[in-house]
Amino acid sequence: MQIHLDVSGLDGDPREVAAGETIFREYDMGAEMYVVLEGEVELTLGGTVVEMLGRGDPFGEMALIDQAPRAATATAKTACKLAVLPEKRFLFLVQTRPHFALDIMKVMAERLRAMNAKA
């Protein structure tokens, strides 16, 4: 089961990322989350690929929820266009769109279950 966010309305000022470019690194502090609009993003943990993301996939949300450093490194596998949601916008969406908050929780639960299955 793969949860994708509805990307309509999230592409106001997208960030263009070249293939191979690091979006953020493990242990960086984060002030925004992202949603893949186009392309593929690779998430790595300790140098090991843990997930490949495509259109509609959110990432970086944990840093906004728990104010802790990034848990993984995100790298553009291909040229990408990313929706950038600063913390203020993320909190607004959580408060005004209950389905957005629920979808984020589903993504986090899915990732946790996948990591537990690998352990």
PDB file of N, CA and C in Angstrom:
ATOM      1  N   MET A   1       0.854  -1.182   0.000  1.00  0.00           N
ATOM      2  CA  MET A   1       0.000   0.000   0.000  1.00  0.00           C
ATOM      3  C   MET A   1       0.896   1.240   0.000  1.00  0.00           C
ATOM      4  N   GLN A   2       0.772   2.043  -1.010  1.00  0.00           N
ATOM      5  CA  GLN A   2       1.556   3.275  -1.112  1.00  0.00           C
ATOM      6  C   GLN A   2       0.590   4.454  -1.014  1.00  0.00           C
ATOM      7  N   ILE A   3       0.824   5.358  -0.070  1.00  0.00           N
ATOM      8  CA  ILE A   3      -0.017   6.541   0.120  1.00  0.00           C
ATOM      9  C   ILE A   3       0.598   7.690  -0.670  1.00  0.00           C
ATOM     10  N   HIS A   4      -0.193   8.321  -1.512  1.00  0.00           N
ATOM     11  CA  HIS A   4       0.252   9.495  -2.255  1.00  0.00           C
ATOM     12  C   HIS A   4      -0.617  10.668  -1.853  1.00  0.00           C
ATOM     13  N   LEU A   5      -0.008  11.824  -1.721  1.00  0.00           N
ATOM     14  CA  LEU A   5      -0.778  13.027  -1.418  1.00  0.00           C
ATOM     15  C   LEU A   5      -1.349  13.610  -2.689  1.00  0.00           C
ATOM     16  N   ASP A   6      -2.495  14.240  -2.569  1.00  0.00           N
ATOM     17  CA  ASP A   6      -3.056  15.003  -3.674  1.00  0.00           C
ATOM     18  C   ASP A   6      -2.173  16.232  -3.843  1.00  0.00           C
ATOM     19  N   VAL A   7      -1.508  16.343  -4.986  1.00  0.00           N
ATOM     20  CA  VAL A   7      -0.552  17.436  -5.186  1.00  0.00           C
ATOM     21  C   VAL A   7      -1.204  18.696  -5.742  1.00  0.00           C
ATOM     22  N   SER A   8      -2.496  18.664  -6.010  1.00  0.00           N
ATOM     23  CA  SER A   8      -3.149  19.859  -6.522  1.00  0.00           C
ATOM     24  C   SER A   8      -3.088  20.963  -5.471  1.00  0.00           C
ATOM     25  N   GLY A   9      -2.675  22.119  -5.894  1.00  0.00           N
ATOM     26  CA  GLY A   9      -2.567  23.257  -4.996  1.00  0.00           C
ATOM     27  C   GLY A   9      -1.280  23.319  -4.204  1.00  0.00           C
ATOM     28  N   LEU A  10      -0.403  22.335  -4.358  1.00  0.00           N
ATOM     29  CA  LEU A  10       0.855  22.337  -3.614  1.00  0.00           C
ATOM     30  C   LEU A  10       2.037  22.801  -4.448  1.00  0.00           C
ATOM     31  N   ASP A  11       1.795  23.096  -5.722  1.00  0.00           N
ATOM     32  CA  ASP A  11       2.910  23.392  -6.635  1.00  0.00           C
ATOM     33  C   ASP A  11       3.097  24.883  -6.885  1.00  0.00           C
ATOM     34  N   GLY A  12       2.758  25.720  -5.892  1.00  0.00           N
ATOM     35  CA  GLY A  12       2.842  27.166  -6.051  1.00  0.00           C
ATOM     36  C   GLY A  12       4.217  27.688  -6.428  1.00  0.00           C
ATOM     37  N   ASP A  13       5.252  27.248  -5.757  1.00  0.00           N
ATOM     38  CA  ASP A  13       6.613  27.689  -6.034  1.00  0.00           C
ATOM     39  C   ASP A  13       7.531  26.472  -5.933  1.00  0.00           C
ATOM     40  N   PRO A  14       7.481  25.578  -6.928  1.00  0.00           N
ATOM     41  CA  PRO A  14       8.232  24.327  -6.824  1.00  0.00           C
ATOM     42  C   PRO A  14       9.745  24.542  -6.875  1.00  0.00           C
ATOM     43  N   ARG A  15      10.452  23.615  -6.262  1.00  0.00           N
ATOM     44  CA  ARG A  15      11.910  23.614  -6.293  1.00  0.00           C
ATOM     45  C   ARG A  15      12.359  22.613  -7.345  1.00  0.00           C
ATOM     46  N   GLU A  16      13.207  23.065  -8.260  1.00  0.00           N
ATOM     47  CA  GLU A  16      13.769  22.195  -9.292  1.00  0.00           C
ATOM     48  C   GLU A  16      15.085  21.641  -8.756  1.00  0.00           C
ATOM     49  N   VAL A  17      15.266  20.336  -8.860  1.00  0.00           N
ATOM     50  CA  VAL A  17      16.448  19.675  -8.334  1.00  0.00           C
ATOM     51  C   VAL A  17      17.056  18.806  -9.435  1.00  0.00           C
ATOM     52  N   ALA A  18      18.363  18.929  -9.638  1.00  0.00           N
ATOM     53  CA  ALA A  18      19.054  18.127 -10.665  1.00  0.00           C
ATOM     54  C   ALA A  18      19.292  16.709 -10.163  1.00  0.00           C
ATOM     55  N   ALA A  19      19.363  15.768 -11.089  1.00  0.00           N
ATOM     56  CA  ALA A  19      19.673  14.380 -10.738  1.00  0.00           C
ATOM     57  C   ALA A  19      20.987  14.339  -9.965  1.00  0.00           C
ATOM     58  N   GLY A  20      21.004  13.606  -8.874  1.00  0.00           N
ATOM     59  CA  GLY A  20      22.200  13.476  -8.047  1.00  0.00           C
ATOM     60  C   GLY A  20      22.335  14.525  -6.963  1.00  0.00           C
ATOM     61  N   GLU A  21      21.499  15.544  -6.988  1.00  0.00           N
ATOM     62  CA  GLU A  21      21.587  16.617  -5.988  1.00  0.00           C
ATOM     63  C   GLU A  21      21.002  16.160  -4.650  1.00  0.00           C
ATOM     64  N   THR A  22      21.689  16.497  -3.571  1.00  0.00           N
ATOM     65  CA  THR A  22      21.198  16.185  -2.233  1.00  0.00           C
ATOM     66  C   THR A  22      20.177  17.241  -1.832  1.00  0.00           C
ATOM     67  N   ILE A  23      19.012  16.794  -1.414  1.00  0.00           N
ATOM     68  CA  ILE A  23      17.938  17.692  -0.988  1.00  0.00           C
ATOM     69  C   ILE A  23      18.123  18.041   0.488  1.00  0.00           C
ATOM     70  N   PHE A  24      18.389  17.032   1.297  1.00  0.00           N
ATOM     71  CA  PHE A  24      18.813  17.227   2.679  1.00  0.00           C
ATOM     72  C   PHE A  24      19.569  15.991   3.136  1.00  0.00           C
ATOM     73  N   ARG A  25      20.333  16.168   4.211  1.00  0.00           N
ATOM     74  CA  ARG A  25      21.168  15.085   4.734  1.00  0.00           C
ATOM     75  C   ARG A  25      20.663  14.616   6.099  1.00  0.00           C
ATOM     76  N   GLU A  26      20.919  13.359   6.361  1.00  0.00           N
ATOM     77  CA  GLU A  26      20.649  12.780   7.664  1.00  0.00           C
ATOM     78  C   GLU A  26      21.299  13.671   8.728  1.00  0.00           C
ATOM     79  N   TYR A  27      20.580  13.956   9.792  1.00  0.00           N
ATOM     80  CA  TYR A  27      20.997  14.772  10.933  1.00  0.00           C
ATOM     81  C   TYR A  27      20.890  16.277  10.710  1.00  0.00           C
ATOM     82  N   ASP A  28      20.581  16.740   9.485  1.00  0.00           N
ATOM     83  CA  ASP A  28      20.303  18.168   9.280  1.00  0.00           C
ATOM     84  C   ASP A  28      19.030  18.531  10.043  1.00  0.00           C
ATOM     85  N   MET A  29      18.928  19.768  10.472  1.00  0.00           N
ATOM     86  CA  MET A  29      17.660  20.255  11.023  1.00  0.00           C
ATOM     87  C   MET A  29      16.776  20.624   9.835  1.00  0.00           C
ATOM     88  N   GLY A  30      15.477  20.464   9.989  1.00  0.00           N
ATOM     89  CA  GLY A  30      14.578  20.726   8.872  1.00  0.00           C
ATOM     90  C   GLY A  30      13.526  21.752   9.206  1.00  0.00           C
ATOM     91  N   ALA A  31      13.258  22.636   8.269  1.00  0.00           N
ATOM     92  CA  ALA A  31      12.230  23.662   8.451  1.00  0.00           C
ATOM     93  C   ALA A  31      11.147  23.553   7.388  1.00  0.00           C
ATOM     94  N   GLU A  32      11.219  22.486   6.547  1.00  0.00           N
ATOM     95  CA  GLU A  32      10.206  22.282   5.519  1.00  0.00           C
ATOM     96  C   GLU A  32      10.117  20.808   5.178  1.00  0.00           C
ATOM     97  N   MET A  33       9.001  20.440   4.565  1.00  0.00           N
ATOM     98  CA  MET A  33       8.830  19.098   4.025  1.00  0.00           C
ATOM     99  C   MET A  33       8.611  19.247   2.530  1.00  0.00           C
ATOM    100  N   TYR A  34       8.602  18.141   1.826  1.00  0.00           N
ATOM    101  CA  TYR A  34       8.505  18.161   0.370  1.00  0.00           C
ATOM    102  C   TYR A  34       7.486  17.139  -0.106  1.00  0.00           C
ATOM    103  N   VAL A  35       6.969  17.387  -1.312  1.00  0.00           N
ATOM    104  CA  VAL A  35       6.146  16.416  -2.014  1.00  0.00           C
ATOM    105  C   VAL A  35       6.697  16.350  -3.433  1.00  0.00           C
ATOM    106  N   VAL A  36       6.924  15.132  -3.918  1.00  0.00           N
ATOM    107  CA  VAL A  36       7.448  14.955  -5.272  1.00  0.00           C
ATOM    108  C   VAL A  36       6.342  15.284  -6.274  1.00  0.00           C
ATOM    109  N   LEU A  37       6.599  16.269  -7.132  1.00  0.00           N
ATOM    110  CA  LEU A  37       5.668  16.619  -8.205  1.00  0.00           C
ATOM    111  C   LEU A  37       6.055  15.897  -9.496  1.00  0.00           C
ATOM    112  N   GLU A  38       7.362  15.802  -9.736  1.00  0.00           N
ATOM    113  CA  GLU A  38       7.901  15.108 -10.908  1.00  0.00           C
ATOM    114  C   GLU A  38       9.246  14.511 -10.526  1.00  0.00           C
ATOM    115  N   GLY A  39       9.561  13.335 -11.078  1.00  0.00           N
ATOM    116  CA  GLY A  39      10.859  12.712 -10.862  1.00  0.00           C
ATOM    117  C   GLY A  39      10.840  11.684  -9.744  1.00  0.00           C
ATOM    118  N   GLU A  40      12.057  11.266  -9.351  1.00  0.00           N
ATOM    119  CA  GLU A  40      12.214  10.265  -8.299  1.00  0.00           C
ATOM    120  C   GLU A  40      13.241  10.728  -7.276  1.00  0.00           C
ATOM    121  N   VAL A  41      12.944  10.464  -6.012  1.00  0.00           N
ATOM    122  CA  VAL A  41      13.825  10.818  -4.898  1.00  0.00           C
ATOM    123  C   VAL A  41      14.162   9.529  -4.152  1.00  0.00           C
ATOM    124  N   GLU A  42      15.433   9.421  -3.773  1.00  0.00           N
ATOM    125  CA  GLU A  42      15.920   8.257  -3.046  1.00  0.00           C
ATOM    126  C   GLU A  42      16.179   8.661  -1.599  1.00  0.00           C
ATOM    127  N   LEU A  43      15.640   7.879  -0.658  1.00  0.00           N
ATOM    128  CA  LEU A  43      15.910   8.100   0.763  1.00  0.00           C
ATOM    129  C   LEU A  43      16.903   7.050   1.229  1.00  0.00           C
ATOM    130  N   THR A  44      17.978   7.507   1.878  1.00  0.00           N
ATOM    131  CA  THR A  44      18.986   6.588   2.387  1.00  0.00           C
ATOM    132  C   THR A  44      19.188   6.810   3.878  1.00  0.00           C
ATOM    133  N   LEU A  45      19.515   5.742   4.543  1.00  0.00           N
ATOM    134  CA  LEU A  45      19.778   5.766   5.976  1.00  0.00           C
ATOM    135  C   LEU A  45      21.122   5.079   6.182  1.00  0.00           C
ATOM    136  N   GLY A  46      22.104   5.837   6.641  1.00  0.00           N
ATOM    137  CA  GLY A  46      23.436   5.283   6.812  1.00  0.00           C
ATOM    138  C   GLY A  46      24.021   4.765   5.508  1.00  0.00           C
ATOM    139  N   GLY A  47      23.666   5.393   4.393  1.00  0.00           N
ATOM    140  CA  GLY A  47      24.178   4.994   3.086  1.00  0.00           C
ATOM    141  C   GLY A  47      23.398   3.876   2.412  1.00  0.00           C
ATOM    142  N   THR A  48      22.403   3.307   3.082  1.00  0.00           N
ATOM    143  CA  THR A  48      21.582   2.232   2.517  1.00  0.00           C
ATOM    144  C   THR A  48      20.257   2.801   2.018  1.00  0.00           C
ATOM    145  N   VAL A  49      19.883   2.462   0.792  1.00  0.00           N
ATOM    146  CA  VAL A  49      18.605   2.923   0.244  1.00  0.00           C
ATOM    147  C   VAL A  49      17.468   2.256   1.016  1.00  0.00           C
ATOM    148  N   VAL A  50      16.578   3.087   1.556  1.00  0.00           N
ATOM    149  CA  VAL A  50      15.434   2.557   2.305  1.00  0.00           C
ATOM    150  C   VAL A  50      14.115   2.775   1.577  1.00  0.00           C
ATOM    151  N   GLU A  51      14.090   3.732   0.638  1.00  0.00           N
ATOM    152  CA  GLU A  51      12.836   3.982  -0.082  1.00  0.00           C
ATOM    153  C   GLU A  51      13.101   4.817  -1.329  1.00  0.00           C
ATOM    154  N   MET A  52      12.331   4.517  -2.380  1.00  0.00           N
ATOM    155  CA  MET A  52      12.318   5.322  -3.602  1.00  0.00           C
ATOM    156  C   MET A  52      10.964   6.006  -3.656  1.00  0.00           C
ATOM    157  N   LEU A  53      10.967   7.308  -3.916  1.00  0.00           N
ATOM    158  CA  LEU A  53       9.734   8.089  -3.938  1.00  0.00           C
ATOM    159  C   LEU A  53       9.456   8.630  -5.327  1.00  0.00           C
ATOM    160  N   GLY A  54       8.180   8.752  -5.659  1.00  0.00           N
ATOM    161  CA  GLY A  54       7.758   9.309  -6.933  1.00  0.00           C
ATOM    162  C   GLY A  54       6.623  10.296  -6.734  1.00  0.00           C
ATOM    163  N   ARG A  55       5.946  10.633  -7.821  1.00  0.00           N
ATOM    164  CA  ARG A  55       4.882  11.641  -7.811  1.00  0.00           C
ATOM    165  C   ARG A  55       3.886  11.412  -6.672  1.00  0.00           C
ATOM    166  N   GLY A  56       3.663  12.493  -5.918  1.00  0.00           N
ATOM    167  CA  GLY A  56       2.687  12.460  -4.830  1.00  0.00           C
ATOM    168  C   GLY A  56       3.240  11.989  -3.502  1.00  0.00           C
ATOM    169  N   ASP A  57       4.489  11.536  -3.489  1.00  0.00           N
ATOM    170  CA  ASP A  57       5.071  11.039  -2.239  1.00  0.00           C
ATOM    171  C   ASP A  57       5.650  12.182  -1.409  1.00  0.00           C
ATOM    172  N   PRO A  58       5.236  12.280  -0.143  1.00  0.00           N
ATOM    173  CA  PRO A  58       5.794  13.300   0.760  1.00  0.00           C
ATOM    174  C   PRO A  58       7.038  12.771   1.456  1.00  0.00           C
ATOM    175  N   PHE A  59       7.912  13.686   1.848  1.00  0.00           N
ATOM    176  CA  PHE A  59       9.060  13.301   2.659  1.00  0.00           C
ATOM    177  C   PHE A  59       9.559  14.523   3.430  1.00  0.00           C
ATOM    178  N   GLY A  60      10.267  14.250   4.527  1.00  0.00           N
ATOM    179  CA  GLY A  60      10.786  15.331   5.362  1.00  0.00           C
ATOM    180  C   GLY A  60       9.803  15.814   6.407  1.00  0.00           C
ATOM    181  N   GLU A  61       8.663  15.156   6.514  1.00  0.00           N
ATOM    182  CA  GLU A  61       7.618  15.612   7.435  1.00  0.00           C
ATOM    183  C   GLU A  61       7.971  15.392   8.901  1.00  0.00           C
ATOM    184  N   MET A  62       8.757  14.369   9.184  1.00  0.00           N
ATOM    185  CA  MET A  62       9.068  14.065  10.589  1.00  0.00           C
ATOM    186  C   MET A  62       9.764  15.223  11.292  1.00  0.00           C
ATOM    187  N   ALA A  63      10.648  15.906  10.589  1.00  0.00           N
ATOM    188  CA  ALA A  63      11.373  17.024  11.196  1.00  0.00           C
ATOM    189  C   ALA A  63      10.425  18.155  11.610  1.00  0.00           C
ATOM    190  N   LEU A  64       9.291  18.266  10.930  1.00  0.00           N
ATOM    191  CA  LEU A  64       8.319  19.302  11.287  1.00  0.00           C
ATOM    192  C   LEU A  64       7.429  18.870  12.440  1.00  0.00           C
ATOM    193  N   ILE A  65       7.280  17.577  12.598  1.00  0.00           N
ATOM    194  CA  ILE A  65       6.404  17.065  13.648  1.00  0.00           C
ATOM    195  C   ILE A  65       7.117  17.010  14.988  1.00  0.00           C
ATOM    196  N   ASP A  66       8.367  16.514  14.996  1.00  0.00           N
ATOM    197  CA  ASP A  66       9.044  16.336  16.275  1.00  0.00           C
ATOM    198  C   ASP A  66      10.218  17.285  16.512  1.00  0.00           C
ATOM    199  N   GLN A  67      10.470  18.206  15.587  1.00  0.00           N
ATOM    200  CA  GLN A  67      11.538  19.201  15.731  1.00  0.00           C
ATOM    201  C   GLN A  67      12.913  18.553  15.955  1.00  0.00           C
ATOM    202  N   ALA A  68      13.089  17.339  15.491  1.00  0.00           N
ATOM    203  CA  ALA A  68      14.356  16.620  15.626  1.00  0.00           C
ATOM    204  C   ALA A  68      15.090  16.644  14.280  1.00  0.00           C
ATOM    205  N   PRO A  69      16.380  16.315  14.278  1.00  0.00           N
ATOM    206  CA  PRO A  69      17.133  16.289  13.010  1.00  0.00           C
ATOM    207  C   PRO A  69      16.553  15.270  12.022  1.00  0.00           C
ATOM    208  N   ARG A  70      16.877  15.464  10.763  1.00  0.00           N
ATOM    209  CA  ARG A  70      16.425  14.569   9.696  1.00  0.00           C
ATOM    210  C   ARG A  70      16.865  13.135   9.990  1.00  0.00           C
ATOM    211  N   ALA A  71      15.976  12.186   9.707  1.00  0.00           N
ATOM    212  CA  ALA A  71      16.247  10.777   9.978  1.00  0.00           C
ATOM    213  C   ALA A  71      16.940  10.092   8.808  1.00  0.00           C
ATOM    214  N   ALA A  72      16.954  10.718   7.639  1.00  0.00           N
ATOM    215  CA  ALA A  72      17.522  10.106   6.440  1.00  0.00           C
ATOM    216  C   ALA A  72      18.087  11.187   5.531  1.00  0.00           C
ATOM    217  N   THR A  73      18.779  10.742   4.496  1.00  0.00           N
ATOM    218  CA  THR A  73      19.272  11.642   3.455  1.00  0.00           C
ATOM    219  C   THR A  73      18.358  11.491   2.251  1.00  0.00           C
ATOM    220  N   ALA A  74      17.963  12.609   1.653  1.00  0.00           N
ATOM    221  CA  ALA A  74      17.126  12.601   0.450  1.00  0.00           C
ATOM    222  C   ALA A  74      17.944  13.114  -0.720  1.00  0.00           C
ATOM    223  N   THR A  75      18.000  12.318  -1.790  1.00  0.00           N
ATOM    224  CA  THR A  75      18.776  12.656  -2.979  1.00  0.00           C
ATOM    225  C   THR A  75      17.894  12.499  -4.215  1.00  0.00           C
ATOM    226  N   ALA A  76      17.997  13.431  -5.136  1.00  0.00           N
ATOM    227  CA  ALA A  76      17.241  13.324  -6.390  1.00  0.00           C
ATOM    228  C   ALA A  76      17.858  12.210  -7.229  1.00  0.00           C
ATOM    229  N   LYS A  77      17.090  11.178  -7.502  1.00  0.00           N
ATOM    230  CA  LYS A  77      17.549  10.074  -8.352  1.00  0.00           C
ATOM    231  C   LYS A  77      17.502  10.509  -9.815  1.00  0.00           C
ATOM    232  N   THR A  78      16.507  11.323 -10.148  1.00  0.00           N
ATOM    233  CA  THR A  78      16.357  11.915 -11.472  1.00  0.00           C
ATOM    234  C   THR A  78      16.148  13.412 -11.275  1.00  0.00           C
ATOM    235  N   ALA A  79      16.102  14.157 -12.353  1.00  0.00           N
ATOM    236  CA  ALA A  79      15.716  15.569 -12.234  1.00  0.00           C
ATOM    237  C   ALA A  79      14.319  15.606 -11.617  1.00  0.00           C
ATOM    238  N   CYS A  80      14.117  16.490 -10.667  1.00  0.00           N
ATOM    239  CA  CYS A  80      12.852  16.528  -9.921  1.00  0.00           C
ATOM    240  C   CYS A  80      12.279  17.929  -9.836  1.00  0.00           C
ATOM    241  N   LYS A  81      10.981  17.938  -9.658  1.00  0.00           N
ATOM    242  CA  LYS A  81      10.267  19.146  -9.275  1.00  0.00           C
ATOM    243  C   LYS A  81       9.574  18.804  -7.961  1.00  0.00           C
ATOM    244  N   LEU A  82       9.838  19.605  -6.938  1.00  0.00           N
ATOM    245  CA  LEU A  82       9.330  19.332  -5.599  1.00  0.00           C
ATOM    246  C   LEU A  82       8.481  20.483  -5.086  1.00  0.00           C
ATOM    247  N   ALA A  83       7.347  20.145  -4.491  1.00  0.00           N
ATOM    248  CA  ALA A  83       6.584  21.140  -3.749  1.00  0.00           C
ATOM    249  C   ALA A  83       7.275  21.289  -2.400  1.00  0.00           C
ATOM    250  N   VAL A  84       7.498  22.518  -1.979  1.00  0.00           N
ATOM    251  CA  VAL A  84       8.150  22.800  -0.706  1.00  0.00           C
ATOM    252  C   VAL A  84       7.092  23.350   0.247  1.00  0.00           C
ATOM    253  N   LEU A  85       6.934  22.687   1.378  1.00  0.00           N
ATOM    254  CA  LEU A  85       5.973  23.145   2.374  1.00  0.00           C
ATOM    255  C   LEU A  85       6.729  23.561   3.631  1.00  0.00           C
ATOM    256  N   PRO A  86       6.909  24.870   3.821  1.00  0.00           N
ATOM    257  CA  PRO A  86       7.547  25.352   5.051  1.00  0.00           C
ATOM    258  C   PRO A  86       6.693  24.952   6.264  1.00  0.00           C
ATOM    259  N   GLU A  87       7.307  24.962   7.420  1.00  0.00           N
ATOM    260  CA  GLU A  87       6.616  24.529   8.631  1.00  0.00           C
ATOM    261  C   GLU A  87       5.281  25.257   8.832  1.00  0.00           C
ATOM    262  N   LYS A  88       5.242  26.540   8.611  1.00  0.00           N
ATOM    263  CA  LYS A  88       4.006  27.325   8.806  1.00  0.00           C
ATOM    264  C   LYS A  88       2.881  26.811   7.882  1.00  0.00           C
ATOM    265  N   ARG A  89       3.214  26.546   6.620  1.00  0.00           N
ATOM    266  CA  ARG A  89       2.213  26.030   5.667  1.00  0.00           C
ATOM    267  C   ARG A  89       1.783  24.621   6.063  1.00  0.00           C
ATOM    268  N   PHE A  90       2.748  23.784   6.477  1.00  0.00           N
ATOM    269  CA  PHE A  90       2.443  22.429   6.931  1.00  0.00           C
ATOM    270  C   PHE A  90       1.434  22.472   8.078  1.00  0.00           C
ATOM    271  N   LEU A  91       1.691  23.321   9.085  1.00  0.00           N
ATOM    272  CA  LEU A  91       0.792  23.414  10.223  1.00  0.00           C
ATOM    273  C   LEU A  91      -0.589  23.929   9.810  1.00  0.00           C
ATOM    274  N   PHE A  92      -0.631  24.876   8.871  1.00  0.00           N
ATOM    275  CA  PHE A  92      -1.905  25.374   8.354  1.00  0.00           C
ATOM    276  C   PHE A  92      -2.691  24.234   7.694  1.00  0.00           C
ATOM    277  N   LEU A  93      -2.016  23.434   6.867  1.00  0.00           N
ATOM    278  CA  LEU A  93      -2.685  22.318   6.186  1.00  0.00           C
ATOM    279  C   LEU A  93      -3.181  21.274   7.173  1.00  0.00           C
ATOM    280  N   VAL A  94      -2.386  20.992   8.202  1.00  0.00           N
ATOM    281  CA  VAL A  94      -2.802  20.032   9.222  1.00  0.00           C
ATOM    282  C   VAL A  94      -4.061  20.529   9.934  1.00  0.00           C
ATOM    283  N   GLN A  95      -4.116  21.832  10.217  1.00  0.00           N
ATOM    284  CA  GLN A  95      -5.258  22.398  10.938  1.00  0.00           C
ATOM    285  C   GLN A  95      -6.506  22.540  10.078  1.00  0.00           C
ATOM    286  N   THR A  96      -6.339  22.811   8.794  1.00  0.00           N
ATOM    287  CA  THR A  96      -7.496  23.118   7.945  1.00  0.00           C
ATOM    288  C   THR A  96      -7.921  21.985   7.014  1.00  0.00           C
ATOM    289  N   ARG A  97      -7.065  20.994   6.830  1.00  0.00           N
ATOM    290  CA  ARG A  97      -7.389  19.857   5.965  1.00  0.00           C
ATOM    291  C   ARG A  97      -7.145  18.561   6.737  1.00  0.00           C
ATOM    292  N   PRO A  98      -8.156  18.093   7.445  1.00  0.00           N
ATOM    293  CA  PRO A  98      -7.974  16.872   8.240  1.00  0.00           C
ATOM    294  C   PRO A  98      -7.464  15.682   7.414  1.00  0.00           C
ATOM    295  N   HIS A  99      -7.868  15.590   6.159  1.00  0.00           N
ATOM    296  CA  HIS A  99      -7.396  14.467   5.329  1.00  0.00           C
ATOM    297  C   HIS A  99      -5.897  14.571   5.048  1.00  0.00           C
ATOM    298  N   PHE A 100      -5.369  15.785   4.965  1.00  0.00           N
ATOM    299  CA  PHE A 100      -3.931  15.964   4.779  1.00  0.00           C
ATOM    300  C   PHE A 100      -3.194  15.383   5.984  1.00  0.00           C
ATOM    301  N   ALA A 101      -3.640  15.743   7.184  1.00  0.00           N
ATOM    302  CA  ALA A 101      -3.005  15.243   8.405  1.00  0.00           C
ATOM    303  C   ALA A 101      -3.099  13.724   8.474  1.00  0.00           C
ATOM    304  N   LEU A 102      -4.254  13.170   8.142  1.00  0.00           N
ATOM    305  CA  LEU A 102      -4.437  11.730   8.171  1.00  0.00           C
ATOM    306  C   LEU A 102      -3.528  11.042   7.147  1.00  0.00           C
ATOM    307  N   ASP A 103      -3.404  11.632   5.962  1.00  0.00           N
ATOM    308  CA  ASP A 103      -2.520  11.056   4.940  1.00  0.00           C
ATOM    309  C   ASP A 103      -1.069  11.060   5.395  1.00  0.00           C
ATOM    310  N   ILE A 104      -0.637  12.124   6.056  1.00  0.00           N
ATOM    311  CA  ILE A 104       0.733  12.181   6.581  1.00  0.00           C
ATOM    312  C   ILE A 104       0.935  11.088   7.630  1.00  0.00           C
ATOM    313  N   MET A 105      -0.052  10.903   8.507  1.00  0.00           N
ATOM    314  CA  MET A 105       0.050   9.838   9.511  1.00  0.00           C
ATOM    315  C   MET A 105       0.110   8.464   8.855  1.00  0.00           C
ATOM    316  N   LYS A 106      -0.657   8.258   7.799  1.00  0.00           N
ATOM    317  CA  LYS A 106      -0.638   6.978   7.090  1.00  0.00           C
ATOM    318  C   LYS A 106       0.728   6.724   6.458  1.00  0.00           C
ATOM    319  N   VAL A 107       1.325   7.759   5.879  1.00  0.00           N
ATOM    320  CA  VAL A 107       2.658   7.623   5.282  1.00  0.00           C
ATOM    321  C   VAL A 107       3.665   7.224   6.356  1.00  0.00           C
ATOM    322  N   MET A 108       3.619   7.906   7.483  1.00  0.00           N
ATOM    323  CA  MET A 108       4.569   7.609   8.563  1.00  0.00           C
ATOM    324  C   MET A 108       4.356   6.194   9.099  1.00  0.00           C
ATOM    325  N   ALA A 109       3.108   5.772   9.260  1.00  0.00           N
ATOM    326  CA  ALA A 109       2.823   4.420   9.748  1.00  0.00           C
ATOM    327  C   ALA A 109       3.313   3.373   8.738  1.00  0.00           C
ATOM    328  N   GLU A 110       3.088   3.634   7.453  1.00  0.00           N
ATOM    329  CA  GLU A 110       3.540   2.710   6.410  1.00  0.00           C
ATOM    330  C   GLU A 110       5.057   2.572   6.426  1.00  0.00           C
ATOM    331  N   ARG A 111       5.751   3.684   6.570  1.00  0.00           N
ATOM    332  CA  ARG A 111       7.221   3.641   6.610  1.00  0.00           C
ATOM    333  C   ARG A 111       7.722   2.911   7.849  1.00  0.00           C
ATOM    334  N   LEU A 112       7.088   3.126   8.980  1.00  0.00           N
ATOM    335  CA  LEU A 112       7.473   2.445  10.215  1.00  0.00           C
ATOM    336  C   LEU A 112       7.270   0.940  10.083  1.00  0.00           C
ATOM    337  N   ARG A 113       6.150   0.534   9.525  1.00  0.00           N
ATOM    338  CA  ARG A 113       5.879  -0.897   9.342  1.00  0.00           C
ATOM    339  C   ARG A 113       6.911  -1.519   8.390  1.00  0.00           C
ATOM    340  N   ALA A 114       7.242  -0.800   7.326  1.00  0.00           N
ATOM    341  CA  ALA A 114       8.231  -1.315   6.371  1.00  0.00           C
ATOM    342  C   ALA A 114       9.599  -1.462   7.034  1.00  0.00           C
ATOM    343  N   MET A 115       9.994  -0.489   7.840  1.00  0.00           N
ATOM    344  CA  MET A 115      11.282  -0.568   8.533  1.00  0.00           C
ATOM    345  C   MET A 115      11.289  -1.712   9.544  1.00  0.00           C
ATOM    346  N   ASN A 116      10.172  -1.898  10.257  1.00  0.00           N
ATOM    347  CA  ASN A 116      10.090  -2.995  11.220  1.00  0.00           C
ATOM    348  C   ASN A 116      10.148  -4.343  10.521  1.00  0.00           C
ATOM    349  N   ALA A 117       9.558  -4.445   9.341  1.00  0.00           N
ATOM    350  CA  ALA A 117       9.570  -5.702   8.601  1.00  0.00           C
ATOM    351  C   ALA A 117      10.987  -6.065   8.144  1.00  0.00           C
ATOM    352  N   LYS A 118      11.817  -5.040   7.909  1.00  0.00           N
ATOM    353  CA  LYS A 118      13.195  -5.269   7.475  1.00  0.00           C
ATOM    354  C   LYS A 118      14.108  -5.649   8.634  1.00  0.00           C
ATOM    355  N   ALA A 119      13.696  -5.268   9.847  1.00  0.00           N
ATOM    356  CA  ALA A 119      14.556  -5.504  11.033  1.00  0.00           C
ATOM    357  C   ALA A 119      14.523  -6.940  11.501  1.00  0.00           C
TER     358      ALA A 119
END
